[in-house]
Each structure stands twice: as C-alpha cells, then as structure tokens.
Amino acid sequence: LLKLSTSLLLCWSVVLADDEWSYTTLDYSGITLRPDDARSMMKSGDVPEVHVKVGAHKHSFYCNATCDVARQAGLFCANDCGLDGEEWRRCASSVWREFGEKEVMLSNLNGWNGIGFGAYPSMIERTNNWFETTGWRFLILLQDFIWEKTEGFVPAPLRILEVGSFEGGSTTWWLRYLLANSASTLTAVDLWTSFPANPEWRDGFGEESAQDAADSKDYFDAVRKRFARNIVACPNSHKTEALRGDSMSTLASYLVQGREFDFMYIDGSHLAGDVMADILMAWRMLRAGGYMLLDDYKWDGKGVGFGRGGGGDTDDECAASIRSNGKVSMQTALDLALSSAPGGAEVVYCGYQLLVRKLAAYPNIMPPVRVAL
C-alpha cells in the first residue's frame, strides 16, 4: 500500500530517459510553483502544464477547462511523445495524475486566498472547495485501478455512482478525469432539499420555522441549478444521469434492476442510520475489485472535521477500527457497515476520507416473488 506524506502537497513528475523511468518528488507547496504564481494563473483562467522528456526531447502537456484530461493525456503520450505499449500506458497515467495533482493544488491555493473556488473557475461555479482539500491524494491511489485496462488511448469503461452531489464539486472532477471512455457512465443522486429538523444539523438553533423552511428551499433550489450548470460546462456531461430523491429509495430500485458499478463515492446524509443503509445497499452493487470512497470518515458530528488534510491513522489502524464497536459517530457508522460487508473490504487509504476495495463478488440479487401458500 502506498502512503502519501501529509505535511505538504506532493506531486510526481515523470521523465523517460535512456529507456528508464525515473520519478522525481517535487514540492509544489512553494518550490516549483509559488502561491503568487498560482493566484496569477487562476485569475487568468489558466491551468498547469506537465513536462515529459523522451530521450533528448521535452514535451509539454496542457489541458484547458473543457478538455478530458485522461483522453488528452493518452493522445499526448502517443502522438507527441511517440510512445506505445506499456511505455505509453505509464506515460499517460503519470501525466494524468500529475496534471490533476497540480490542478487540485492550484484550486486549494485559490480557494484559501479568497479568489473563488475550483480548478477552472471560468467554467465552474463553486462556493467551496471541500472535495479538493482531500481529493488530490486519490489520483495516485487510484492510478493503477483507472489505467489497468485501456481501450485505444483511454482507460477502460467505468460505471460510477455518486451519492451526495451538492453543487457538483466532486461530480465535475469525475467527469474531467474518469469518464474518457465512450462507454463510461456517471450516476449522481442527491435530495437537493433541506436536512431533517435535527438539532445536530441546525447547529443548536432549535426548531425549524416556516421562514427557515422557505429559505432552505430557495437555497437548495439554487444549489441544484448551480449543479446543473456545472455539469453542462464539463466534458462528458452527456454521460451523466442526475437523480433527485432520497438515496435509500434510489439504491433499492437499482438493486432490483441488477445495476453494477466500478467506483462509488458516498457523501450523502451523515446520520448514522442513513450512512449504514447507503453503504450496505451500494456495496452489493459494487463489482469485485471495485473501489468505494467514503467521505467525512473523521467528521465529528458538529460540522467541523478533525484530521482534515492529515493522514491520521495507518491503514492497519483503520482496519482494526472497522472491526470494533463504539459510539455511533460518523466513523463508527462506517466501521459497522463495512465490518460485515459481503465479500470483504480492504482498507486502501484512511484519513479524513476512507477508500476501500471490495475483495470478492456477492451472490446475485434475487428480487422478491410471490410464492404459493
């Protein structure tokens, strides 16, 4: 298992020289790219470049706000760099990863400095950079999974399920980086409505008034419309199916339909019962070898995450936690659901988010049929 440093943002540049691949660790927190440079780039709507050296020739990769990064990386390594076979795959996946890491880093610098959010703000309307604060590390964790099989110059098809989309911060990321194959699909499910009148959700302000309800409806209607505009502005938007409704009803219908997915991102309701139901139903539709990314594993139940941006526990410690019981917090709810997940779960990464892989297939779903009495 590959562990990443959490004290600084690390990216990896790839260089091909004398038929040998070498990986040089670069610190993008201030050495290669200064915050002032990042702010300047973001103001101009620019995005970073990745450089690949083949023999004595240096090639530069660039992908504007409307291009598909995986597809562009594949074409770049084939046409510009003249690579094929395993060398092409390693080049394409490394360029894809490094470009994404740089773009997320720029987004974080941009957001924390109050210019606006998103790695390509000219196209995307964002009010937060929640996903980017932790999303950078998953490129290297998922690199082999995404690029293990390829078709033409792009990764093999991926069927992605997202539970909890809000304004599309993570959704637009999947569209830009994971859906290059023409057969790939993305299903996004969200209520886009107010949370239950629960003191934990209302920050201790008491019961929800009629005015609160009206304001909440207007707020989430605006969020849903912003989500729609963001999806349309991204590459691969035509591969997206967006559903408005509660996740349990949606996932139950998918189970009956026999749907299957390769990658899942669960970031819906944070109430323990809802979280466990989402995981247990979604898990049965995750193919063997597929990955599930669970958000807010270290969320403290008060809207303030602890351990965000930090690696925290080791993978073994997280695996041990999943096998134990305790207070039904967000973390415990995830642990309880995964501890008995059919097929078994492998902890790939543990931090503020949790990445797990399904080890074995689960028997086919059997829809209910009436029996004679």
Foldseek 3Di string as FASTA:
>chain_A
DDDDALPAQWAWAWEAEPNDIDIDIDTCDDDPDHLVNLQVCQVVLAADWGWYYHYNDIDIAGDHQAAALLLSLLCCCCPVVVDDDPVSLVRSLSRLLRSLSRLLVSQVSCVVVPNAGDSRVVQAHDPDQVCSLPVSVVSVLCSCVQSVDPDRRGGDAFEEEEEDQFLNNVVLVCQRYRGPDPRHAYEYEAQLFDDPQDCLRVVNPDGQDPVNRVVRNVVSVVRVVSSVSNLVSYHPSVRYHYYHDQQLVVLVVCLVVLAAGQEYEYDYDQDLVSSLSNCQSNLLRYAAFGKYKYAQLQPASNPDGPQRSHQPDDQVVLLVQLCDADPSGSNRSVSPSQNPRPQHWGFSGDTSMTMIGRHHHDDRRDDDDDDDD
